C-alpha atoms as a PDB file:
ATOM      1  CA  MET A   1    -122.824 -36.622  47.895  1.00  0.00           C
ATOM      2  CA  ARG A   2    -125.699 -34.226  47.345  1.00  0.00           C
ATOM      3  CA  GLU A   3    -127.944 -36.475  49.318  1.00  0.00           C
ATOM      4  CA  TRP A   4    -125.520 -36.451  52.216  1.00  0.00           C
ATOM      5  CA  LEU A   5    -125.179 -32.666  52.113  1.00  0.00           C
ATOM      6  CA  GLY A   6    -128.912 -32.358  51.877  1.00  0.00           C
ATOM      7  CA  ARG A   7    -129.374 -34.365  55.052  1.00  0.00           C
ATOM      8  CA  VAL A   8    -126.876 -32.271  57.011  1.00  0.00           C
ATOM      9  CA  ARG A   9    -128.656 -29.519  58.815  1.00  0.00           C
ATOM     10  CA  ILE A  10    -126.573 -26.734  60.236  1.00  0.00           C
ATOM     11  CA  SER A  11    -128.213 -24.862  63.019  1.00  0.00           C
ATOM     12  CA  GLY A  12    -127.503 -21.272  63.969  1.00  0.00           C
ATOM     13  CA  PHE A  13    -125.822 -22.427  67.185  1.00  0.00           C
ATOM     14  CA  VAL A  14    -123.320 -24.558  65.273  1.00  0.00           C
ATOM     15  CA  VAL A  15    -122.534 -21.675  62.918  1.00  0.00           C
ATOM     16  CA  ILE A  16    -121.999 -19.288  65.833  1.00  0.00           C
ATOM     17  CA  MET A  17    -119.802 -21.789  67.690  1.00  0.00           C
ATOM     18  CA  LEU A  18    -117.767 -22.484  64.535  1.00  0.00           C
ATOM     19  CA  GLY A  19    -117.335 -18.741  64.029  1.00  0.00           C
ATOM     20  CA  LEU A  20    -116.178 -18.324  67.633  1.00  0.00           C
ATOM     21  CA  VAL A  21    -113.633 -21.147  67.243  1.00  0.00           C
ATOM     22  CA  VAL A  22    -112.230 -19.574  64.061  1.00  0.00           C
ATOM     23  CA  LEU A  23    -112.153 -16.136  65.695  1.00  0.00           C
ATOM     24  CA  GLY A  24    -110.451 -17.594  68.766  1.00  0.00           C
ATOM     25  CA  ALA A  25    -107.842 -19.249  66.541  1.00  0.00           C
ATOM     26  CA  PHE A  26    -107.131 -15.961  64.766  1.00  0.00           C
ATOM     27  CA  VAL A  27    -106.786 -14.193  68.123  1.00  0.00           C
ATOM     28  CA  LEU A  28    -104.738 -16.849  69.904  1.00  0.00           C
ATOM     29  CA  VAL A  29    -102.257 -17.900  67.179  1.00  0.00           C
ATOM     30  CA  PRO A  30    -100.320 -14.584  67.148  1.00  0.00           C
ATOM     31  CA  THR A  31    -100.462 -14.455  70.942  1.00  0.00           C
ATOM     32  CA  VAL A  32     -99.021 -17.962  71.249  1.00  0.00           C
ATOM     33  CA  GLY A  33     -96.301 -17.070  68.720  1.00  0.00           C
ATOM     34  CA  THR A  34     -95.416 -13.956  70.710  1.00  0.00           C
ATOM     35  CA  TYR A  35     -95.364 -16.008  73.903  1.00  0.00           C
ATOM     36  CA  MET A  36     -92.987 -18.567  72.368  1.00  0.00           C
ATOM     37  CA  ASP A  37     -90.684 -15.795  71.063  1.00  0.00           C
ATOM     38  CA  GLN A  38     -90.610 -14.172  74.477  1.00  0.00           C
ATOM     39  CA  ARG A  39     -89.800 -17.503  76.152  1.00  0.00           C
ATOM     40  CA  GLN A  40     -86.872 -17.989  73.737  1.00  0.00           C
ATOM     41  CA  GLN A  41     -85.624 -14.460  74.448  1.00  0.00           C
ATOM     42  CA  ILE A  42     -85.903 -15.037  78.193  1.00  0.00           C
ATOM     43  CA  GLN A  43     -83.926 -18.267  77.902  1.00  0.00           C
ATOM     44  CA  ALA A  44     -81.230 -16.553  75.805  1.00  0.00           C
ATOM     45  CA  LEU A  45     -80.975 -13.720  78.323  1.00  0.00           C
ATOM     46  CA  ARG A  46     -80.762 -16.198  81.213  1.00  0.00           C
ATOM     47  CA  SER A  47     -77.893 -18.021  79.531  1.00  0.00           C
ATOM     48  CA  ALA A  48     -76.164 -14.677  78.893  1.00  0.00           C
ATOM     49  CA  VAL A  49     -76.597 -13.764  82.569  1.00  0.00           C
ATOM     50  CA  GLU A  50     -75.163 -17.132  83.643  1.00  0.00           C
ATOM     51  CA  LEU A  51     -72.178 -16.614  81.348  1.00  0.00           C
ATOM     52  CA  SER A  52     -71.633 -13.111  82.712  1.00  0.00           C
ATOM     53  CA  GLN A  53     -71.874 -14.378  86.268  1.00  0.00           C
ATOM     54  CA  SER A  54     -69.271 -17.057  85.580  1.00  0.00           C
ATOM     55  CA  GLN A  55     -66.986 -14.433  84.030  1.00  0.00           C
ATOM     56  CA  VAL A  56     -67.467 -12.187  87.072  1.00  0.00           C
ATOM     57  CA  ALA A  57     -66.647 -15.101  89.377  1.00  0.00           C
ATOM     58  CA  ASP A  58     -63.483 -15.836  87.365  1.00  0.00           C
ATOM     59  CA  LEU A  59     -62.425 -12.189  87.532  1.00  0.00           C
ATOM     60  CA  GLN A  60     -63.074 -12.035  91.268  1.00  0.00           C
ATOM     61  CA  ALA A  61     -60.981 -15.169  91.798  1.00  0.00           C
ATOM     62  CA  GLN A  62     -58.208 -13.632  89.705  1.00  0.00           C
ATOM     63  CA  ARG A  63     -58.426 -10.394  91.722  1.00  0.00           C
ATOM     64  CA  GLU A  64     -58.161 -12.378  94.953  1.00  0.00           C
ATOM     65  CA  ARG A  65     -55.087 -14.188  93.602  1.00  0.00           C
ATOM     66  CA  TRP A  66     -53.439 -10.855  92.750  1.00  0.00           C
ATOM     67  CA  SER A  67     -54.067  -9.608  96.279  1.00  0.00           C
ATOM     68  CA  ASP A  68     -51.819 -12.399  97.606  1.00  0.00           C
ATOM     69  CA  PRO A  69     -48.187 -11.179  97.914  1.00  0.00           C
ATOM     70  CA  ALA A  70     -46.819 -14.688  97.288  1.00  0.00           C
ATOM     71  CA  TYR A  71     -48.692 -14.905  93.974  1.00  0.00           C
ATOM     72  CA  ILE A  72     -47.433 -11.474  92.916  1.00  0.00           C
ATOM     73  CA  ARG A  73     -43.887 -12.475  93.801  1.00  0.00           C
ATOM     74  CA  THR A  74     -44.225 -15.724  91.812  1.00  0.00           C
ATOM     75  CA  GLN A  75     -45.614 -13.915  88.772  1.00  0.00           C
ATOM     76  CA  ALA A  76     -42.841 -11.308  88.899  1.00  0.00           C
ATOM     77  CA  ARG A  77     -40.239 -14.087  88.991  1.00  0.00           C
ATOM     78  CA  GLU A  78     -41.806 -16.134  86.172  1.00  0.00           C
ATOM     79  CA  ARG A  79     -43.046 -13.443  83.804  1.00  0.00           C
ATOM     80  CA  LEU A  80     -40.526 -10.661  84.315  1.00  0.00           C
ATOM     81  CA  GLY A  81     -37.500 -12.597  85.513  1.00  0.00           C
ATOM     82  CA  TYR A  82     -37.176 -10.615  88.748  1.00  0.00           C
ATOM     83  CA  THR A  83     -34.893 -11.960  91.454  1.00  0.00           C
ATOM     84  CA  PHE A  84     -34.055 -11.034  94.996  1.00  0.00           C
ATOM     85  CA  PRO A  85     -30.765  -9.310  95.698  1.00  0.00           C
ATOM     86  CA  GLY A  86     -27.966 -11.830  96.044  1.00  0.00           C
ATOM     87  CA  GLU A  87     -29.660 -14.583  94.026  1.00  0.00           C
ATOM     88  CA  VAL A  88     -27.790 -16.146  91.131  1.00  0.00           C
ATOM     89  CA  VAL A  89     -29.693 -16.637  87.903  1.00  0.00           C
ATOM     90  CA  TYR A  90     -28.727 -19.394  85.490  1.00  0.00           C
ATOM     91  CA  LEU A  91     -29.859 -19.145  81.867  1.00  0.00           C
ATOM     92  CA  ILE A  92     -29.956 -22.457  80.024  1.00  0.00           C
ATOM     93  CA  ASP A  93     -29.305 -22.330  76.310  1.00  0.00           C
ATOM     94  CA  ASN A  94     -30.651 -25.018  73.950  1.00  0.00           C
ATOM     95  CA  ASP A  95     -32.916 -26.635  76.512  1.00  0.00           C
ATOM     96  CA  LEU A  96     -35.356 -27.864  73.838  1.00  0.00           C
ATOM     97  CA  PRO A  97     -35.507 -31.564  72.999  1.00  0.00           C
ATOM     98  CA  ALA A  98     -34.140 -32.628  69.625  1.00  0.00           C
ATOM     99  CA  SER A  99     -37.640 -33.094  68.200  1.00  0.00           C
ATOM    100  CA  ALA A 100     -38.556 -29.462  68.977  1.00  0.00           C
ATOM    101  CA  THR A 101     -35.450 -27.867  67.500  1.00  0.00           C
ATOM    102  CA  PRO A 102     -35.748 -26.348  64.029  1.00  0.00           C
ATOM    103  CA  GLN A 103     -34.748 -28.746  61.289  1.00  0.00           C
ATOM    104  CA  GLU A 104     -32.201 -27.913  58.626  1.00  0.00           C
ATOM    105  CA  GLN A 105     -33.707 -26.252  55.613  1.00  0.00           C
ATOM    106  CA  ASP A 106     -33.140 -27.331  52.033  1.00  0.00           C
ATOM    107  CA  ALA A 107     -30.138 -25.945  50.251  1.00  0.00           C
ATOM    108  CA  VAL A 108     -30.666 -22.701  48.378  1.00  0.00           C
ATOM    109  CA  SER A 109     -31.028 -23.219  44.658  1.00  0.00           C
ATOM    110  CA  GLY A 110     -28.561 -21.549  42.328  1.00  0.00           C
ATOM    111  CA  ASP A 111     -31.211 -21.204  39.598  1.00  0.00           C
ATOM    112  CA  VAL A 112     -32.895 -17.864  39.157  1.00  0.00           C
ATOM    113  CA  GLY A 113     -36.665 -18.132  39.237  1.00  0.00           C
ATOM    114  CA  GLN A 114     -39.086 -15.833  37.512  1.00  0.00           C
ATOM    115  CA  THR A 115     -42.438 -14.886  39.004  1.00  0.00           C
ATOM    116  CA  ARG A 116     -45.517 -14.347  36.915  1.00  0.00           C
ATOM    117  CA  THR A 117     -46.976 -11.504  38.950  1.00  0.00           C
ATOM    118  CA  ASP A 118     -47.364  -7.839  38.264  1.00  0.00           C
ATOM    119  CA  TRP A 119     -44.910  -6.293  40.713  1.00  0.00           C
ATOM    120  CA  MET A 120     -46.224  -2.795  40.159  1.00  0.00           C
ATOM    121  CA  ALA A 121     -49.777  -3.732  41.165  1.00  0.00           C
ATOM    122  CA  GLN A 122     -48.441  -5.532  44.228  1.00  0.00           C
ATOM    123  CA  LEU A 123     -46.413  -2.473  45.183  1.00  0.00           C
ATOM    124  CA  VAL A 124     -49.461  -0.204  44.905  1.00  0.00           C
ATOM    125  CA  ARG A 125     -51.588  -2.628  46.970  1.00  0.00           C
ATOM    126  CA  SER A 126     -48.867  -2.842  49.609  1.00  0.00           C
ATOM    127  CA  VAL A 127     -48.529   0.943  49.865  1.00  0.00           C
ATOM    128  CA  ALA A 128     -52.314   1.381  50.024  1.00  0.00           C
ATOM    129  CA  ALA A 129     -52.641  -1.301  52.713  1.00  0.00           C
ATOM    130  CA  SER A 130     -49.872   0.193  54.819  1.00  0.00           C
ATOM    131  CA  GLY A 131     -51.462   3.632  54.539  1.00  0.00           C
ATOM    132  CA  ALA A 132     -54.828   2.279  55.665  1.00  0.00           C
ATOM    133  CA  ALA A 133     -53.421   0.386  58.660  1.00  0.00           C
ATOM    134  CA  GLN A 134     -54.397   1.576  62.103  1.00  0.00           C
ATOM    135  CA  VAL A 135     -51.636   3.007  64.234  1.00  0.00           C
ATOM    136  CA  ALA A 136     -51.435   2.107  67.906  1.00  0.00           C
ATOM    137  CA  VAL A 137     -51.182   5.215  70.051  1.00  0.00           C
ATOM    138  CA  PRO A 138     -49.908   4.810  73.627  1.00  0.00           C
ATOM    139  CA  GLU A 139     -52.184   5.976  76.398  1.00  0.00           C
ATOM    140  CA  VAL A 140     -51.082   9.149  78.115  1.00  0.00           C
ATOM    141  CA  THR A 141     -51.765   9.299  81.834  1.00  0.00           C
ATOM    142  CA  VAL A 142     -52.201  12.657  83.486  1.00  0.00           C
ATOM    143  CA  GLY A 143     -49.983  13.452  86.429  1.00  0.00           C
ATOM    144  CA  VAL A 144     -47.312  10.839  85.708  1.00  0.00           C
ATOM    145  CA  PRO A 145     -44.095  12.435  84.482  1.00  0.00           C
ATOM    146  CA  ASP A 146     -42.173  10.813  81.654  1.00  0.00           C
ATOM    147  CA  PRO A 147     -38.975   9.189  82.866  1.00  0.00           C
ATOM    148  CA  ALA A 148     -36.192  11.447  81.662  1.00  0.00           C
ATOM    149  CA  PRO A 149     -32.719  10.071  81.124  1.00  0.00           C
ATOM    150  CA  PRO A 150     -30.323  11.063  83.910  1.00  0.00           C
ATOM    151  CA  THR A 151     -28.254  14.047  83.054  1.00  0.00           C
ATOM    152  CA  GLU A 152     -24.590  13.880  83.805  1.00  0.00           C
ATOM    153  CA  THR A 153     -23.146  16.636  85.942  1.00  0.00           C
ATOM    154  CA  PRO A 154     -19.623  17.750  85.174  1.00  0.00           C
ATOM    155  CA  ALA A 155     -17.095  16.581  87.741  1.00  0.00           C
ATOM    156  CA  GLY A 156     -15.955  19.599  89.690  1.00  0.00           C
END
């Protein structure tokens, strides 16, 4: 091995070129990594833009549907049960098939069961959880009066 190393002559040009290759690798590796990260970010942002555009298109189609009086009339009939004056509405009771109706439950046992839980700790947890729950507050719109119940006027 020493003989082989002894025969290898390294010139100054080879050393300089090898140094430039190593320096170029140190300079280019972070740049290539940054480039790849940026390409991934661009692709993620493009997919987010495409998703947003599809959502906008869906919302525009829905807005166009709601501008059609026939669609509004259909939705009012289906969702709210509105009818035109003079129409007769029939309500059908027990229209579910037999497979969809609730099945009979098992008979209630006459034996008294005993639980193995600490009822006091459960009570405290329940009270603490109900106290920490968020309360829904209705939105108040300015300029819209609250509907007041009609007041009866005495018959004169």
